[in-house]
Protein backbone atom coordinates (compact mmCIF):
# COMPACT_ATOMS: atom_id res chain seq x y z
CA MET A 1 34.44 94.04 129.47
CA ASN A 2 31.77 93.98 132.13
CA LEU A 3 28.71 92.09 130.86
CA ASN A 4 26.43 94.15 133.09
CA THR A 5 27.51 97.58 131.88
CA ALA A 6 29.03 97.29 128.39
CA THR A 7 27.25 99.26 125.68
CA ASP A 8 26.26 97.88 122.27
CA ALA A 9 29.20 99.69 120.73
CA GLU A 10 31.66 98.33 123.30
CA ILE A 11 30.43 94.76 122.82
CA SER A 12 30.51 95.10 119.04
CA ALA A 13 34.04 96.50 119.08
CA GLY A 14 35.33 94.19 121.81
CA VAL A 15 33.96 90.77 120.87
CA PRO A 16 35.18 89.64 117.45
CA GLY A 17 32.50 88.38 115.07
CA ILE A 18 29.53 89.10 117.31
CA GLY A 19 26.34 90.14 115.58
CA LYS A 20 23.50 92.43 116.58
CA LYS A 21 21.27 89.52 117.62
CA MET A 22 23.86 88.20 120.09
CA ILE A 23 24.51 91.67 121.44
CA HIS A 24 20.77 91.87 122.10
CA GLU A 25 20.89 88.47 123.85
CA PHE A 26 23.84 89.58 126.01
CA GLU A 27 21.79 92.59 127.15
CA GLU A 28 18.45 90.82 127.54
CA TYR A 29 19.52 88.82 130.58
CA ARG A 30 21.19 91.60 132.55
CA PRO A 31 22.21 91.84 135.26
CA TYR A 32 24.23 88.64 135.38
CA ALA A 33 24.88 87.35 138.88
CA SER A 34 27.36 84.71 137.73
CA ILE A 35 29.25 83.45 134.73
CA VAL A 36 27.19 80.25 135.03
CA GLN A 37 24.04 82.28 134.41
CA PHE A 38 25.65 83.85 131.33
CA ARG A 39 26.61 80.40 130.03
CA LYS A 40 23.12 79.03 130.61
CA GLU A 41 21.39 81.90 128.82
CA MET A 42 23.80 81.99 125.88
CA SER A 43 23.62 78.21 125.44
CA LYS A 44 20.11 78.78 124.09
CA TYR A 45 21.71 80.41 121.04
CA VAL A 46 25.29 79.16 120.57
CA ASP A 47 27.47 76.17 121.46
CA ASP A 48 29.90 75.88 124.37
CA ALA A 49 32.92 76.64 122.19
CA THR A 50 31.40 79.96 121.11
CA ILE A 51 30.52 80.84 124.70
CA ALA A 52 34.11 80.07 125.75
CA GLU A 53 35.31 82.40 123.00
CA TYR A 54 32.99 85.18 124.25
CA GLU A 55 34.38 84.69 127.76
CA ARG A 56 37.82 85.67 126.51
CA PHE A 57 36.45 89.21 126.16
CA VAL A 58 33.72 89.58 128.81
CA PHE A 59 33.25 88.96 132.51
CA VAL A 60 30.61 89.06 135.21
CA PRO A 61 31.72 91.29 138.09
CA VAL A 62 32.92 89.13 140.97
CA ASP A 63 31.28 89.61 144.36
CA ALA A 64 33.86 88.22 146.78
CA ASN A 65 31.21 87.03 149.24
CA GLN A 66 28.58 85.75 146.81
CA ALA A 67 30.31 84.49 143.65
CA ASP A 68 30.15 80.80 142.83
CA ALA A 69 33.34 78.86 142.05
CA ALA A 70 32.99 79.28 138.27
CA THR A 71 32.65 83.05 138.61
CA LEU A 72 35.66 83.25 140.94
CA GLN A 73 37.64 81.34 138.32
CA GLN A 74 37.24 84.32 135.97
CA LEU A 75 39.93 85.94 138.12
CA PRO A 76 43.33 85.41 136.51
CA GLY A 77 45.20 82.48 138.02
CA VAL A 78 42.34 81.21 140.20
CA SER A 79 41.99 77.44 139.95
CA VAL A 80 39.05 75.27 140.97
CA GLU A 81 40.84 74.52 144.24
CA ASP A 82 41.59 78.20 144.85
CA ALA A 83 37.95 79.14 144.23
CA GLU A 84 36.75 76.53 146.71
CA ALA A 85 39.29 77.73 149.33
CA LEU A 86 38.13 81.33 148.84
CA ILE A 87 34.50 80.28 149.28
CA LYS A 88 35.39 78.47 152.53
CA ALA A 89 37.22 81.58 153.80
CA ARG A 90 34.09 83.76 153.58
CA PRO A 91 32.90 86.21 154.63
CA PHE A 92 35.42 88.86 153.66
CA ALA A 93 35.04 92.22 155.41
CA ASN A 94 35.74 94.04 152.14
CA ASN A 95 37.58 93.69 148.83
CA ASP A 96 40.91 94.40 150.51
CA ALA A 97 40.40 91.39 152.79
CA PHE A 98 39.52 89.29 149.75
CA PHE A 99 42.70 90.44 147.99
CA ALA A 100 44.74 89.52 151.05
CA ALA A 101 43.35 85.96 150.79
CA LEU A 102 43.95 85.94 147.03
CA THR A 103 47.58 87.10 147.33
CA ASP A 104 49.00 83.65 148.07
CA LYS A 105 47.02 82.03 145.25
CA VAL A 106 47.97 84.15 142.23
CA SER A 107 50.94 86.08 140.88
CA PRO A 108 51.31 89.81 141.56
CA GLU A 109 50.40 90.53 137.93
CA GLU A 110 47.27 88.39 138.17
CA LEU A 111 46.31 90.12 141.41
CA VAL A 112 46.46 93.51 139.68
CA SER A 113 44.27 92.21 136.85
CA ALA A 114 41.80 90.70 139.32
CA LYS A 115 41.14 94.07 140.94
CA GLY A 116 39.40 95.27 137.78
CA LEU A 117 37.01 92.31 137.83
CA LEU A 118 35.61 92.77 141.32
CA LYS A 119 32.20 94.18 142.01
CA GLN A 120 32.57 97.52 143.68
C-alpha cells in the first residue's frame, strides 16, 4: 500500500502485527519522498528487520525522474544495477517512456506490477 495515502484502517489491516503507535509514526513523516526516508524515520522506533518486514506491505510512490536507487528497487525485479542504469537514462518524458526503459530489465509480470507503484 502507498505510504503517502494509506488510511489507519488500511495500514492496520494490511501490515501484520502493527500497532497504533507505529501507524501514527508511519503517518507523522508523510509525505515520504523515498524509501530511504521511510527507513531512516522508522529506525528511530524499530530495527532493520522490522522495517524490512513492513516494506513487504508498503511502498513509497516512485517518481521515475527523481527516485533514488533504493526507491527504484521497490519496483519488482529491479536490481541495484538496473536502478543505476535507469537513473543514468533520465530524464524520462513520461511514465510510458520510463516503462519502455524498464521493459528490458524486468519480466512482463513485474512490469505490470511496477505500474501500480509509480507516482502519477
